[in-house]
N, C-alpha and C. Protein backbone atom coordinates (compact mmCIF):
# COMPACT_ATOMS: atom_id res chain seq x y z
N MET A 1 109.31 94.85 86.02
CA MET A 1 108.77 95.07 84.71
C MET A 1 109.86 94.77 83.69
N VAL A 2 109.57 93.86 82.77
CA VAL A 2 110.52 93.52 81.72
C VAL A 2 109.79 93.46 80.39
N ASP A 3 110.53 93.64 79.33
CA ASP A 3 109.96 93.47 78.00
C ASP A 3 109.56 92.01 77.81
N TRP A 4 108.55 91.77 76.99
CA TRP A 4 108.05 90.43 76.74
C TRP A 4 109.17 89.47 76.36
N ASP A 5 110.03 89.89 75.45
CA ASP A 5 111.11 89.02 74.96
C ASP A 5 112.17 88.72 76.03
N ASP A 6 112.25 89.57 77.06
CA ASP A 6 113.24 89.38 78.11
C ASP A 6 112.70 88.62 79.33
N ALA A 7 111.41 88.33 79.32
CA ALA A 7 110.79 87.66 80.47
C ALA A 7 111.37 86.25 80.66
N LYS A 8 111.55 85.90 81.92
CA LYS A 8 112.09 84.58 82.26
C LYS A 8 110.98 83.58 82.57
N ILE A 9 109.78 84.07 82.82
CA ILE A 9 108.62 83.20 83.05
C ILE A 9 107.47 83.67 82.17
N HIS A 10 106.58 82.78 81.84
CA HIS A 10 105.44 83.11 80.99
C HIS A 10 104.34 83.78 81.82
N VAL A 11 103.59 84.64 81.19
CA VAL A 11 102.52 85.35 81.87
C VAL A 11 101.47 84.38 82.44
N LEU A 12 101.38 83.18 81.93
CA LEU A 12 100.41 82.21 82.43
C LEU A 12 100.99 81.26 83.48
N THR A 13 102.15 81.61 84.03
CA THR A 13 102.78 80.77 85.05
C THR A 13 101.86 80.62 86.26
N HIS A 14 101.80 79.41 86.78
CA HIS A 14 100.93 79.06 87.91
C HIS A 14 101.07 80.04 89.07
N ALA A 15 102.29 80.41 89.41
CA ALA A 15 102.53 81.29 90.56
C ALA A 15 101.87 82.66 90.39
N LEU A 16 101.73 83.10 89.18
CA LEU A 16 101.12 84.41 88.95
C LEU A 16 99.60 84.37 89.08
N HIS A 17 99.00 83.20 89.00
CA HIS A 17 97.55 83.11 89.01
C HIS A 17 96.96 82.43 90.23
N TYR A 18 97.73 81.65 90.95
CA TYR A 18 97.17 80.85 92.04
C TYR A 18 97.84 81.12 93.38
N ALA A 19 98.36 82.32 93.56
CA ALA A 19 98.87 82.79 94.85
C ALA A 19 100.04 81.99 95.40
N THR A 20 100.79 81.35 94.55
CA THR A 20 102.02 80.71 95.02
C THR A 20 103.19 81.63 94.73
N ALA A 21 102.95 82.91 94.89
CA ALA A 21 103.97 83.93 94.66
C ALA A 21 103.75 85.05 95.67
N VAL A 22 104.56 86.07 95.57
CA VAL A 22 104.47 87.22 96.46
C VAL A 22 103.49 88.23 95.87
N PHE A 23 102.69 88.84 96.74
CA PHE A 23 101.70 89.79 96.27
C PHE A 23 101.54 90.92 97.27
N GLU A 24 101.43 92.12 96.76
CA GLU A 24 101.08 93.29 97.58
C GLU A 24 100.33 94.25 96.68
N GLY A 25 99.18 94.69 97.12
CA GLY A 25 98.36 95.61 96.33
C GLY A 25 98.87 97.03 96.47
N ILE A 26 99.35 97.60 95.39
CA ILE A 26 99.83 98.98 95.38
C ILE A 26 99.07 99.72 94.29
N ARG A 27 98.36 100.76 94.70
CA ARG A 27 97.58 101.53 93.73
C ARG A 27 98.19 102.91 93.54
N CYS A 28 98.10 103.37 92.32
CA CYS A 28 98.58 104.70 91.97
C CYS A 28 97.36 105.57 91.67
N HIS A 29 97.37 106.80 92.20
CA HIS A 29 96.25 107.72 92.00
C HIS A 29 96.72 108.98 91.29
N ALA A 30 95.86 109.51 90.43
CA ALA A 30 96.16 110.79 89.77
C ALA A 30 95.93 111.91 90.78
N THR A 31 96.87 112.84 90.85
CA THR A 31 96.73 114.01 91.72
C THR A 31 97.04 115.25 90.90
N ASP A 32 96.81 116.40 91.51
CA ASP A 32 97.13 117.66 90.83
C ASP A 32 98.63 117.79 90.55
N ARG A 33 99.45 117.08 91.32
CA ARG A 33 100.91 117.12 91.15
C ARG A 33 101.44 115.92 90.38
N GLY A 34 100.56 115.14 89.78
CA GLY A 34 100.96 113.96 89.03
C GLY A 34 100.63 112.68 89.77
N PRO A 35 101.05 111.52 89.24
CA PRO A 35 100.73 110.24 89.87
C PRO A 35 101.34 110.13 91.27
N ALA A 36 100.59 109.48 92.17
CA ALA A 36 101.08 109.32 93.54
C ALA A 36 100.61 107.99 94.11
N ILE A 37 101.47 107.40 94.94
CA ILE A 37 101.12 106.16 95.64
C ILE A 37 101.10 106.49 97.13
N PHE A 38 99.94 106.31 97.77
CA PHE A 38 99.81 106.56 99.20
C PHE A 38 100.61 105.52 99.98
N THR A 39 101.43 105.95 100.88
CA THR A 39 102.29 105.11 101.72
C THR A 39 103.08 104.08 100.92
N VAL A 40 103.71 104.52 99.84
CA VAL A 40 104.45 103.61 98.96
C VAL A 40 105.56 102.88 99.72
N TYR A 41 106.24 103.56 100.63
CA TYR A 41 107.33 102.92 101.36
C TYR A 41 106.80 101.74 102.18
N ASP A 42 105.66 101.93 102.85
CA ASP A 42 105.06 100.84 103.64
C ASP A 42 104.66 99.66 102.76
N HIS A 43 104.11 99.96 101.59
CA HIS A 43 103.71 98.88 100.67
C HIS A 43 104.94 98.09 100.20
N VAL A 44 106.01 98.81 99.87
CA VAL A 44 107.22 98.14 99.42
C VAL A 44 107.79 97.27 100.54
N LEU A 45 107.77 97.76 101.78
CA LEU A 45 108.26 96.96 102.90
C LEU A 45 107.42 95.70 103.10
N GLN A 46 106.10 95.81 102.96
CA GLN A 46 105.23 94.63 103.08
C GLN A 46 105.54 93.63 101.97
N LEU A 47 105.77 94.13 100.77
CA LEU A 47 106.11 93.24 99.67
C LEU A 47 107.45 92.55 99.94
N ILE A 48 108.42 93.29 100.44
CA ILE A 48 109.72 92.71 100.76
C ILE A 48 109.59 91.65 101.85
N ASP A 49 108.80 91.93 102.88
CA ASP A 49 108.61 90.95 103.95
C ASP A 49 108.02 89.66 103.40
N SER A 50 107.07 89.76 102.50
CA SER A 50 106.49 88.56 101.88
C SER A 50 107.52 87.85 101.02
N ALA A 51 108.31 88.62 100.29
CA ALA A 51 109.28 88.03 99.38
C ALA A 51 110.41 87.31 100.10
N LYS A 52 110.68 87.70 101.35
CA LYS A 52 111.75 87.05 102.10
C LYS A 52 111.52 85.55 102.19
N ILE A 53 110.27 85.15 102.28
CA ILE A 53 109.93 83.73 102.34
C ILE A 53 110.48 83.01 101.12
N TYR A 54 110.43 83.66 99.98
CA TYR A 54 110.89 83.07 98.72
C TYR A 54 112.33 83.48 98.38
N VAL A 55 112.98 84.17 99.29
CA VAL A 55 114.35 84.67 99.10
C VAL A 55 114.45 85.43 97.76
N MET A 56 113.54 86.36 97.58
CA MET A 56 113.47 87.09 96.31
C MET A 56 113.66 88.60 96.47
N TYR A 57 113.98 89.10 97.63
CA TYR A 57 113.85 90.54 97.78
C TYR A 57 115.12 91.33 97.49
N LEU A 58 114.91 92.40 96.79
CA LEU A 58 115.91 93.43 96.57
C LEU A 58 115.15 94.75 96.48
N ARG A 59 115.20 95.54 97.55
CA ARG A 59 114.42 96.78 97.59
C ARG A 59 114.72 97.68 96.41
N SER A 60 115.99 97.79 96.02
CA SER A 60 116.34 98.70 94.94
C SER A 60 115.68 98.29 93.62
N LEU A 61 115.57 96.98 93.38
CA LEU A 61 114.89 96.53 92.15
C LEU A 61 113.41 96.88 92.18
N LEU A 62 112.78 96.72 93.34
CA LEU A 62 111.36 97.06 93.45
C LEU A 62 111.13 98.54 93.23
N MET A 63 111.95 99.36 93.86
CA MET A 63 111.80 100.80 93.70
C MET A 63 112.11 101.22 92.27
N ASP A 64 113.11 100.62 91.64
CA ASP A 64 113.42 100.93 90.24
C ASP A 64 112.25 100.57 89.33
N ALA A 65 111.58 99.45 89.62
CA ALA A 65 110.42 99.05 88.80
C ALA A 65 109.30 100.08 88.93
N LEU A 66 109.05 100.57 90.14
CA LEU A 66 108.03 101.59 90.32
C LEU A 66 108.39 102.87 89.59
N VAL A 67 109.65 103.25 89.66
CA VAL A 67 110.09 104.47 88.98
C VAL A 67 109.97 104.29 87.47
N SER A 68 110.29 103.09 86.97
CA SER A 68 110.26 102.87 85.52
C SER A 68 108.86 102.99 84.92
N VAL A 69 107.84 102.78 85.74
CA VAL A 69 106.48 102.95 85.23
C VAL A 69 105.89 104.28 85.72
N HIS A 70 106.78 105.18 86.14
CA HIS A 70 106.44 106.56 86.51
C HIS A 70 105.50 106.63 87.70
N LEU A 71 105.68 105.77 88.68
CA LEU A 71 104.82 105.82 89.86
C LEU A 71 105.48 106.54 91.03
N LEU A 72 106.75 106.87 90.91
CA LEU A 72 107.41 107.64 91.97
C LEU A 72 108.02 108.89 91.39
């Protein structure tokens, strides 16, 4: 997650729309104890495994992004 002005690629980039990028569906649910992601660690590992193909993975960056949007 980056601010619009700090983005290195445009939101309409081909990879973001036509599956030439890494993708993993991670949903956040409201609970009595606040937002929660079911099996978040497994989802992050699946995302990392996909990203390895593109040599893009850094687990700490992914986890920091989730924390920054208050999902962990």
